[in-house]
Protein backbone atom coordinates (compact mmCIF):
# COMPACT_ATOMS: atom_id res chain seq x y z
CA MET A 1 0.98 12.39 9.66
CA MET A 2 3.80 12.11 7.11
CA GLN A 3 6.29 14.78 6.29
CA PHE A 4 7.95 15.52 2.98
CA SER A 5 10.71 17.85 1.92
CA VAL A 6 9.96 19.95 -1.17
CA LYS A 7 11.31 22.54 -3.52
CA VAL A 8 8.90 24.25 -5.96
CA ALA A 9 10.23 26.14 -8.97
CA ASP A 10 8.84 27.67 -12.12
CA TYR A 11 10.31 26.06 -15.18
CA GLN A 12 9.36 27.32 -18.63
CA LYS A 13 5.92 28.50 -17.41
CA ASN A 14 5.27 25.13 -15.66
CA GLN A 15 5.34 24.47 -11.93
CA MET A 16 8.14 22.01 -11.17
CA LEU A 17 8.04 20.08 -7.87
CA ASN A 18 10.92 18.20 -6.31
CA ILE A 19 9.62 16.15 -3.44
CA CYS A 20 11.13 13.43 -1.24
CA ASP A 21 10.45 11.54 1.96
CA ILE A 22 11.85 13.62 4.79
CA ASP A 23 14.21 10.85 6.00
CA LEU A 24 15.98 10.74 2.60
CA LEU A 25 17.04 14.41 2.60
CA GLY A 26 20.78 14.80 2.40
CA LYS A 27 21.36 11.06 1.72
CA ASN A 28 23.43 9.46 -0.96
CA ILE A 29 21.88 6.57 -2.80
CA VAL A 30 24.44 4.23 -4.34
CA GLN A 31 23.96 1.29 -6.65
CA ASP A 32 26.72 -0.10 -8.90
CA GLN A 33 28.25 2.83 -10.77
CA LEU A 34 25.32 5.14 -9.95
CA ASN A 35 25.55 7.61 -7.11
CA MET A 36 22.59 9.86 -6.45
CA ASN A 37 22.63 12.67 -3.93
CA ILE A 38 19.21 13.72 -2.58
CA SER A 39 20.56 17.18 -1.88
CA LYS A 40 19.05 19.95 0.27
CA SER A 41 19.59 22.39 -2.61
CA TYR A 42 17.38 20.32 -4.92
CA TYR A 43 14.75 18.91 -2.53
CA GLY A 44 15.06 20.87 0.68
CA GLU A 45 13.38 24.24 0.42
CA LYS A 46 10.71 23.45 3.01
CA ILE A 47 9.09 20.68 5.05
CA ILE A 48 5.40 20.05 4.47
CA GLU A 49 2.76 17.52 5.53
CA ASP A 50 0.35 15.25 3.66
CA GLU A 51 -2.32 17.81 2.83
CA GLU A 52 0.04 20.31 1.25
CA ALA A 53 1.96 17.52 -0.52
CA GLU A 54 -1.31 16.31 -2.09
CA SER A 55 -2.14 19.81 -3.32
CA LEU A 56 1.33 20.29 -4.82
CA LEU A 57 1.30 16.84 -6.49
CA LYS A 58 -2.06 17.71 -8.10
CA SER A 59 -1.07 21.18 -9.26
CA SER A 60 2.51 20.66 -10.53
CA SER A 61 3.29 19.86 -14.17
CA ILE A 62 6.75 18.37 -13.70
CA ILE A 63 7.41 16.28 -10.63
CA ASN A 64 10.59 14.60 -9.43
CA MET A 65 9.74 12.21 -6.57
CA VAL A 66 11.93 10.11 -4.31
CA GLY A 67 10.91 7.73 -1.57
CA LYS A 68 8.20 5.16 -0.77
CA ASN A 69 5.84 7.53 1.07
CA THR A 70 5.99 10.20 -1.62
CA ILE A 71 5.39 7.75 -4.49
CA THR A 72 2.65 5.88 -2.60
CA LEU A 73 0.78 9.16 -2.05
CA SER A 74 1.28 10.23 -5.68
CA LEU A 75 -0.01 6.94 -7.11
CA LYS A 76 -2.99 7.04 -4.71
CA LEU A 77 -3.86 10.47 -6.22
CA GLY A 78 -3.54 9.06 -9.76
CA VAL A 79 -0.38 11.13 -10.46
CA GLY A 80 2.10 8.96 -12.33
CA SER A 81 1.94 5.21 -12.89
CA GLU A 82 3.57 2.27 -11.19
CA ASN A 83 5.27 1.36 -14.51
CA GLY A 84 7.29 4.56 -14.31
CA VAL A 85 8.81 3.81 -10.93
CA LYS A 86 12.56 3.04 -10.94
CA VAL A 87 14.34 1.67 -7.89
CA ILE A 88 17.96 2.65 -7.14
CA GLY A 89 19.67 1.14 -4.12
CA GLY A 90 16.27 0.13 -2.69
CA VAL A 91 14.88 3.68 -3.01
CA PRO A 92 12.02 4.30 -5.49
CA PHE A 93 12.14 7.26 -7.92
CA LEU A 94 9.45 8.57 -10.19
CA ILE A 95 9.42 11.47 -12.65
CA VAL A 96 6.09 12.66 -14.01
CA PHE A 97 5.42 15.16 -16.84
CA LYS A 98 1.79 16.20 -17.11
CA MET A 99 0.86 17.33 -20.63
């Protein structure tokens, strides 16, 4: 059973999901001049497990994802594409907008 940290918000009538692998919460990802904070305020509203994560990934229109487990699950569900994945400091990121 995998765990994820999520924050769900309504953004311009769309459901926006910020989701990350639980072990990345609160970490700073650094590569060259880029410093990204995976903050609790942005990703850390609640902790969920696979089933709820799948349901949120399917139902959200805008998704910010961080972490191998999160992105593997998303791609398995057909949400997003491998081409969109960016890696920063060894950590994969993916942003999906469903039209």
